[in-house]
Amino acid sequence: MLFTPYRLGELALPNRIVMPPMTRCRAGDGDVPTALMAEYYAQRASAGLIVSEGTPISPQGRGYAWTPGIYSEAQINGWRLVTDAVHAKGGRIFAQLWHVGRLSHVSLQPGGAAPVSASAIQAEGVKVYVDLNHKGAASGAGQMVQSSMPRALTVPEIRQIIADYAQAARNAIAAGFDGIELHAANSYLISQFICSESNHRDDQYGGSLRNRLRLLEEVTEAMIGAIGARRVGVRLAPLTTHQGTRDATPQATYVAAAKLLDDLGTVYIHIAEADWDDAPDMPVAFKEALRIVYRGTMIYAGRYTQARAENALRAGWADLIGFGRPFIANPDLPWRLEHGVTLNPVREDYYYGGTEIGLTDYPFALAKERGDA
């Protein structure tokens, strides 16, 4: 099933393999996407769907050095280089829209201000990637530092962030993306509002589950109003806790979130499962509960092998499967999987920042392996 076509909204996907969002920290001055990034994504255009690395919706939304934004004209033009290159190779690409919330550092915030969050609770022990020495992405000389103490957002500020998301969605379509994915996973801003441990508010955005889901609902509604529901997907991470966000009742919380997104008509939900080596598996019963309440496309990503992916598709609780690290090292991953060709190993030292090394220099399968010789 992994290699069969699939219909996602208005898009005809040639296979069910997704390249999920992966931060690579290669943006140029002004956090503008570059020609090198365009080459990287175009190399991987054989994916059924590409979801871009997280792209901040505003200067306040930044949490890592050299991540490409989508709030300036120069950034929109830079992303157009990327989308044009992907489309020229026959690919399809969504932009992941990102506000990191408290997972930031004062050196990345406008005027050196504190990061913002649902509540003034620091993500203790959680580090972010910064360029304190201002050496630029090509140097690869960033460093990991403790994220800064955040302050709680006011309601008027929340309304501005909602407007920023809607404008970022419009900017993404102007840049040539086929749609957008709201990053509501992995302990970033939307997740900080959803999860009970990081949201101690006592207003309409905190307390009850209904209130903690309000920002997710209002942001999604705003983006749907801007570009249409069939171009809006949402990423959730019900059990991912490695950046300090936990919920007391994750299954109840995220089944309710999925029902909300079904009511809004989003084109997909993308579930990020925990992907570190000793991470617990997400129970199948949880996945089946999500499938019951959500009628759109379900994407799963996190430690999937080809065999696990095929099993998930056959079970019916997944429609598409994301392969993260394998796509970093294998630009022709769909072909390699389909033909049983050995995968290139990933070079972890080149994940963040730097040049083409570890980004665009991974080899494609040899011509003799592909049958082209």
Protein backbone atom coordinates (compact mmCIF):
# COMPACT_ATOMS: atom_id res chain seq x y z
CA MET A 1 0.00 0.00 0.00
CA LEU A 2 2.89 2.38 0.64
CA PHE A 3 3.46 2.84 -3.09
CA THR A 4 -0.16 3.26 -4.17
CA PRO A 5 -1.59 6.68 -5.11
CA TYR A 6 -3.66 8.71 -2.66
CA ARG A 7 -5.95 11.73 -2.92
CA LEU A 8 -5.26 14.50 -0.39
CA GLY A 9 -7.68 17.37 -0.86
CA GLU A 10 -7.01 18.72 -4.34
CA LEU A 11 -3.68 16.90 -4.62
CA ALA A 12 -3.06 13.55 -6.32
CA LEU A 13 -0.19 11.91 -4.44
CA PRO A 14 1.79 9.23 -6.33
CA ASN A 15 2.56 7.33 -3.11
CA ARG A 16 1.76 7.39 0.61
CA ILE A 17 5.25 8.40 1.74
CA VAL A 18 5.56 11.78 3.47
CA MET A 19 8.72 13.76 4.09
CA PRO A 20 7.85 15.28 7.50
CA PRO A 21 9.10 18.64 8.79
CA MET A 22 12.74 18.60 9.94
CA THR A 23 14.59 21.68 11.12
CA ARG A 24 17.88 22.11 9.23
CA CYS A 25 18.91 25.72 10.13
CA ARG A 26 20.29 26.73 6.72
CA ALA A 27 18.42 30.00 6.08
CA GLY A 28 20.34 33.07 4.92
CA ASP A 29 20.42 36.64 6.21
CA GLY A 30 17.04 37.81 7.39
CA ASP A 31 15.98 34.16 7.78
CA VAL A 32 15.41 34.01 4.01
CA PRO A 33 15.24 30.58 2.30
CA THR A 34 18.13 30.00 -0.08
CA ALA A 35 18.90 28.31 -3.40
CA LEU A 36 20.65 25.57 -1.40
CA MET A 37 17.39 24.87 0.41
CA ALA A 38 15.55 24.79 -2.92
CA GLU A 39 17.97 22.12 -4.14
CA TYR A 40 17.51 20.10 -0.94
CA TYR A 41 13.72 19.99 -1.23
CA ALA A 42 13.71 19.43 -5.00
CA GLN A 43 15.99 16.40 -4.54
CA ARG A 44 13.24 14.85 -2.39
CA ALA A 45 10.28 15.71 -4.63
CA SER A 46 9.44 12.03 -5.23
CA ALA A 47 7.77 11.96 -1.79
CA GLY A 48 4.02 11.76 -1.98
CA LEU A 49 4.01 14.94 0.10
CA ILE A 50 6.75 17.16 1.53
CA VAL A 51 6.06 19.19 4.66
CA SER A 52 8.63 21.95 5.02
CA GLU A 53 10.77 22.52 8.07
CA GLY A 54 9.05 24.68 10.67
CA THR A 55 8.85 28.28 9.47
CA PRO A 56 8.18 31.01 12.05
CA ILE A 57 5.11 33.15 11.47
CA SER A 58 6.67 36.25 13.06
CA PRO A 59 9.92 37.47 14.63
CA GLN A 60 8.42 36.58 18.02
CA GLY A 61 7.81 33.02 16.81
CA ARG A 62 11.53 32.27 16.34
CA GLY A 63 13.22 29.77 18.63
CA TYR A 64 16.29 28.56 16.74
CA ALA A 65 19.00 30.24 14.71
CA TRP A 66 18.77 30.28 10.91
CA THR A 67 15.23 28.93 10.60
CA PRO A 68 13.46 30.33 7.52
CA GLY A 69 10.56 32.67 8.25
CA ILE A 70 7.45 33.46 6.25
CA TYR A 71 6.57 36.96 7.42
CA SER A 72 8.67 39.20 5.12
CA GLU A 73 8.54 39.78 1.38
CA ALA A 74 12.11 38.53 1.03
CA GLN A 75 11.20 35.31 2.85
CA ILE A 76 8.14 34.78 0.64
CA ASN A 77 10.32 35.22 -2.43
CA GLY A 78 12.90 32.81 -1.01
CA TRP A 79 10.25 30.17 -0.40
CA ARG A 80 9.03 30.67 -3.95
CA LEU A 81 12.45 29.42 -5.11
CA VAL A 82 11.80 26.28 -3.07
CA THR A 83 8.23 25.63 -4.21
CA ASP A 84 9.08 26.31 -7.86
CA ALA A 85 11.96 23.82 -7.65
CA VAL A 86 9.78 21.15 -6.02
CA HIS A 87 6.94 21.63 -8.51
CA ALA A 88 9.39 21.52 -11.43
CA LYS A 89 10.33 18.02 -10.26
CA GLY A 90 6.66 17.00 -10.01
CA GLY A 91 6.42 17.28 -6.21
CA ARG A 92 3.89 18.64 -3.74
CA ILE A 93 4.80 20.71 -0.66
CA PHE A 94 3.01 22.15 2.39
CA ALA A 95 4.56 24.81 4.65
CA GLN A 96 4.69 24.06 8.36
CA LEU A 97 3.71 27.24 10.23
CA TRP A 98 5.45 27.60 13.57
CA HIS A 99 5.43 29.70 16.72
CA VAL A 100 7.78 28.21 19.30
CA GLY A 101 6.31 30.03 22.31
CA ARG A 102 8.50 29.50 25.36
CA LEU A 103 11.08 27.36 23.52
CA SER A 104 13.18 30.36 22.58
CA HIS A 105 15.97 32.54 23.90
CA VAL A 106 16.13 36.28 24.50
CA SER A 107 18.88 36.56 21.86
CA LEU A 108 16.34 35.45 19.23
CA GLN A 109 13.49 37.70 20.37
CA PRO A 110 12.83 41.25 19.10
CA GLY A 111 14.55 43.72 21.42
CA GLY A 112 15.85 40.89 23.60
CA ALA A 113 12.39 40.41 25.11
CA ALA A 114 11.32 37.34 27.04
CA PRO A 115 9.67 34.57 25.00
CA VAL A 116 5.92 34.13 25.40
CA SER A 117 3.74 31.21 26.40
CA ALA A 118 0.39 30.23 27.85
CA SER A 119 1.83 30.73 31.34
CA ALA A 120 5.06 32.00 32.86
CA ILE A 121 6.55 28.53 33.32
CA GLN A 122 10.07 27.81 32.12
CA ALA A 123 10.86 24.65 30.16
CA GLU A 124 13.62 23.63 32.53
CA GLY A 125 16.45 21.67 30.96
CA VAL A 126 15.18 22.30 27.41
CA LYS A 127 17.79 23.85 25.14
CA VAL A 128 17.49 25.80 21.90
CA TYR A 129 19.98 26.41 19.07
CA VAL A 130 21.33 29.98 18.91
CA ASP A 131 24.00 32.03 17.14
CA LEU A 132 25.36 34.13 19.99
CA ASN A 133 28.52 34.94 18.02
CA HIS A 134 26.65 36.03 14.86
CA LYS A 135 28.71 33.83 12.54
CA GLY A 136 25.87 32.88 10.17
CA ALA A 137 24.36 29.59 9.07
CA ALA A 138 27.23 28.50 6.82
CA SER A 139 29.60 28.46 9.79
CA GLY A 140 27.55 25.78 11.51
CA ALA A 141 28.78 27.42 14.71
CA GLY A 142 25.52 27.59 16.64
CA GLN A 143 25.30 26.41 20.21
CA MET A 144 22.63 24.85 22.42
CA VAL A 145 21.59 27.00 25.39
CA GLN A 146 18.85 26.81 28.03
CA SER A 147 15.60 28.32 26.76
CA SER A 148 14.73 31.58 28.49
CA MET A 149 12.07 32.22 31.12
CA PRO A 150 8.81 33.13 29.32
CA ARG A 151 6.02 35.49 30.24
CA ALA A 152 2.31 34.78 29.87
CA LEU A 153 0.52 36.18 26.83
CA THR A 154 -2.30 38.67 27.29
CA VAL A 155 -5.59 38.12 25.48
CA PRO A 156 -4.95 41.00 23.01
CA GLU A 157 -1.53 39.47 22.24
CA ILE A 158 -3.18 36.10 21.62
CA ARG A 159 -5.51 37.74 19.12
CA GLN A 160 -2.51 39.25 17.33
CA ILE A 161 -0.85 35.84 17.12
CA ILE A 162 -4.03 34.39 15.61
CA ALA A 163 -3.91 37.15 12.99
CA ASP A 164 -0.22 36.38 12.39
CA TYR A 165 -1.08 32.74 11.66
CA ALA A 166 -3.76 33.74 9.17
CA GLN A 167 -1.36 36.11 7.40
CA ALA A 168 1.35 33.45 7.35
CA ALA A 169 -1.11 31.07 5.67
CA ARG A 170 -1.82 33.66 2.99
CA ASN A 171 1.92 34.26 2.62
CA ALA A 172 2.51 30.53 2.15
CA ILE A 173 0.03 30.34 -0.71
CA ALA A 174 1.58 33.47 -2.23
CA ALA A 175 4.95 31.67 -2.02
CA GLY A 176 3.57 28.77 -4.04
CA PHE A 177 2.94 26.17 -1.33
CA ASP A 178 0.13 23.69 -1.97
CA GLY A 179 -1.12 24.11 1.59
CA ILE A 180 0.00 24.60 5.18
CA GLU A 181 0.48 22.52 8.31
CA LEU A 182 -0.14 24.13 11.68
CA HIS A 183 2.58 23.05 14.09
CA ALA A 184 0.57 22.23 17.21
CA ALA A 185 2.96 19.52 18.41
CA ASN A 186 6.25 18.91 20.21
CA SER A 187 5.81 21.40 23.06
CA TYR A 188 5.64 24.55 20.93
CA LEU A 189 3.12 27.37 21.45
CA ILE A 190 -0.16 25.67 20.53
CA SER A 191 0.91 22.59 22.48
CA GLN A 192 1.78 24.79 25.47
CA PHE A 193 -1.84 25.95 25.54
CA ILE A 194 -3.30 22.46 25.03
CA CYS A 195 -1.37 20.57 27.71
CA SER A 196 -2.38 20.87 31.33
CA GLU A 197 1.16 20.98 32.73
CA SER A 198 2.18 24.09 30.78
CA ASN A 199 -1.15 25.98 30.88
CA HIS A 200 -2.10 27.38 34.30
CA ARG A 201 -4.29 30.20 32.96
CA ASP A 202 -7.62 31.08 34.60
CA ASP A 203 -9.19 32.93 31.65
CA GLN A 204 -10.95 31.67 28.49
CA TYR A 205 -7.69 30.05 27.30
CA GLY A 206 -7.02 27.94 30.38
CA GLY A 207 -8.49 25.62 32.96
CA SER A 208 -11.00 23.34 31.28
CA LEU A 209 -10.14 21.17 28.29
CA ARG A 210 -12.51 23.24 26.19
CA ASN A 211 -10.59 26.38 27.10
CA ARG A 212 -7.16 24.79 26.57
CA LEU A 213 -8.23 23.80 23.03
CA ARG A 214 -9.51 27.29 22.26
CA LEU A 215 -6.28 28.62 20.72
CA LEU A 216 -5.99 25.54 18.48
CA GLU A 217 -9.57 26.11 17.36
CA GLU A 218 -9.26 29.84 16.76
CA VAL A 219 -5.94 29.61 14.90
CA THR A 220 -7.25 26.81 12.69
CA GLU A 221 -10.46 28.71 11.98
CA ALA A 222 -8.46 31.81 11.04
CA MET A 223 -6.25 29.89 8.62
CA ILE A 224 -9.23 28.11 7.07
CA GLY A 225 -10.86 31.51 6.59
CA ALA A 226 -7.69 32.72 4.87
CA ILE A 227 -6.96 29.82 2.47
CA GLY A 228 -9.69 27.16 2.78
CA ALA A 229 -9.96 23.97 4.83
CA ARG A 230 -8.70 21.67 2.07
CA ARG A 231 -5.30 23.37 2.27
CA VAL A 232 -4.95 23.24 6.07
CA GLY A 233 -3.45 20.32 8.00
CA VAL A 234 -2.50 20.17 11.69
CA ARG A 235 0.32 18.36 13.46
CA LEU A 236 -0.26 17.01 16.97
CA ALA A 237 1.99 15.05 19.36
CA PRO A 238 -0.19 13.46 22.05
CA LEU A 239 2.59 11.58 23.87
CA THR A 240 5.77 13.48 23.00
CA THR A 241 7.14 14.97 26.23
CA HIS A 242 10.85 15.44 25.55
CA GLN A 243 10.63 19.28 25.44
CA GLY A 244 8.83 19.62 28.71
CA THR A 245 5.13 19.62 27.84
CA ARG A 246 2.85 16.97 29.34
CA ASP A 247 -0.88 16.53 29.63
CA ALA A 248 -2.61 14.76 32.51
CA THR A 249 -5.11 12.95 30.25
CA PRO A 250 -3.55 12.78 26.78
CA GLN A 251 -6.03 10.39 25.16
CA ALA A 252 -9.08 12.38 26.27
CA THR A 253 -7.38 15.64 25.32
CA TYR A 254 -6.25 14.65 21.86
CA VAL A 255 -9.37 12.71 20.90
CA ALA A 256 -11.24 15.93 21.70
CA ALA A 257 -8.74 17.90 19.60
CA ALA A 258 -9.21 15.49 16.69
CA LYS A 259 -13.00 15.81 16.93
CA LEU A 260 -12.64 19.59 16.90
CA LEU A 261 -10.47 19.43 13.76
CA ASP A 262 -12.94 17.08 12.12
CA ASP A 263 -15.72 19.58 12.77
CA LEU A 264 -13.59 22.31 11.20
CA GLY A 265 -12.88 20.13 8.13
CA THR A 266 -9.08 20.22 8.05
CA VAL A 267 -7.53 18.14 5.27
CA TYR A 268 -5.36 16.07 7.62
CA ILE A 269 -4.04 15.45 11.09
CA HIS A 270 -0.34 14.59 11.31
CA ILE A 271 0.54 12.65 14.46
CA ALA A 272 4.16 12.98 15.61
CA GLU A 273 4.96 9.90 17.67
CA ALA A 274 7.89 9.90 20.06
CA ASP A 275 10.98 8.95 18.07
CA TRP A 276 13.82 8.49 20.53
CA ASP A 277 15.18 4.97 20.96
CA ASP A 278 13.46 4.02 24.23
CA ALA A 279 10.25 6.00 23.63
CA PRO A 280 6.98 4.28 24.48
CA ASP A 281 4.79 3.21 21.58
CA MET A 282 1.49 5.01 21.10
CA PRO A 283 -1.20 2.42 21.92
CA VAL A 284 -3.14 1.10 18.94
CA ALA A 285 -6.39 1.70 20.86
CA PHE A 286 -5.48 5.41 21.04
CA LYS A 287 -4.88 5.50 17.28
CA GLU A 288 -8.16 3.73 16.63
CA ALA A 289 -9.98 6.24 18.85
CA LEU A 290 -8.56 9.10 16.76
CA ARG A 291 -9.62 7.32 13.56
CA ILE A 292 -13.20 7.05 14.84
CA VAL A 293 -13.63 10.78 15.48
CA TYR A 294 -11.56 12.16 12.59
CA ARG A 295 -12.77 11.47 9.04
CA GLY A 296 -9.97 13.23 7.16
CA THR A 297 -6.51 11.95 6.27
CA MET A 298 -4.37 10.61 9.12
CA ILE A 299 -0.58 10.88 8.81
CA TYR A 300 1.77 9.21 11.31
CA ALA A 301 5.53 9.77 11.70
CA GLY A 302 8.09 8.47 14.17
CA ARG A 303 10.45 5.47 13.96
CA TYR A 304 8.55 3.92 11.05
CA THR A 305 10.26 1.22 9.05
CA GLN A 306 8.81 0.06 5.75
CA ALA A 307 7.26 -2.96 7.48
CA ARG A 308 5.71 -0.88 10.28
CA ALA A 309 4.36 1.57 7.70
CA GLU A 310 2.71 -1.16 5.66
CA ASN A 311 1.15 -2.64 8.80
CA ALA A 312 -0.22 0.76 9.82
CA LEU A 313 -1.78 1.33 6.41
CA ARG A 314 -3.34 -2.12 6.35
CA ALA A 315 -4.73 -1.64 9.86
CA GLY A 316 -6.60 1.41 8.61
CA TRP A 317 -5.74 3.95 11.32
CA ALA A 318 -3.13 5.58 9.07
CA ASP A 319 -3.44 6.83 5.48
CA LEU A 320 0.06 8.26 4.95
CA ILE A 321 3.38 7.63 6.74
CA GLY A 322 6.22 10.07 7.37
CA PHE A 323 9.88 9.00 7.29
CA GLY A 324 12.09 11.64 8.89
CA ARG A 325 15.78 10.87 9.29
CA PRO A 326 15.79 8.43 6.34
CA PHE A 327 14.74 11.32 4.09
CA ILE A 328 17.65 13.43 5.29
CA ALA A 329 20.15 10.87 4.03
CA ASN A 330 18.20 9.45 1.07
CA PRO A 331 16.83 11.99 -1.41
CA ASP A 332 15.37 9.13 -3.47
CA LEU A 333 13.88 7.34 -0.45
CA PRO A 334 10.61 6.20 -2.12
CA TRP A 335 12.53 4.49 -4.93
CA ARG A 336 14.98 2.85 -2.50
CA LEU A 337 12.16 1.52 -0.33
CA GLU A 338 10.18 0.18 -3.27
CA HIS A 339 13.20 -1.59 -4.79
CA GLY A 340 14.87 -2.79 -1.60
CA VAL A 341 18.02 -0.71 -2.07
CA THR A 342 20.24 -0.13 0.97
CA LEU A 343 19.74 3.26 2.63
CA ASN A 344 22.50 5.82 3.14
CA PRO A 345 23.37 6.35 6.81
CA VAL A 346 22.57 9.79 8.22
CA ARG A 347 25.37 12.05 9.47
CA GLU A 348 24.02 13.58 12.67
CA ASP A 349 26.82 16.14 13.01
CA TYR A 350 25.36 18.00 10.02
CA TYR A 351 21.72 18.19 11.11
CA TYR A 352 21.79 21.91 12.00
CA GLY A 353 23.53 24.76 10.23
CA GLY A 354 26.40 24.58 7.80
CA THR A 355 26.70 24.26 4.04
CA GLU A 356 25.69 21.64 1.49
CA ILE A 357 27.54 18.98 3.51
CA GLY A 358 24.96 16.75 5.13
CA LEU A 359 22.17 18.55 3.26
CA THR A 360 22.39 18.09 -0.52
CA ASP A 361 25.46 15.86 -0.91
CA TYR A 362 23.84 12.51 -0.03
CA PRO A 363 24.07 10.22 -3.08
CA PHE A 364 21.14 8.93 -5.09
CA ALA A 365 21.07 5.19 -5.86
CA LEU A 366 23.56 4.19 -8.53
CA ALA A 367 22.35 4.04 -12.11
CA LYS A 368 22.93 0.26 -12.22
CA GLU A 369 20.73 -0.15 -9.12
CA ARG A 370 18.02 1.96 -10.70
CA GLY A 371 18.21 0.09 -13.97
CA ASP A 372 19.20 3.25 -15.85
CA ALA A 373 22.59 1.96 -17.02
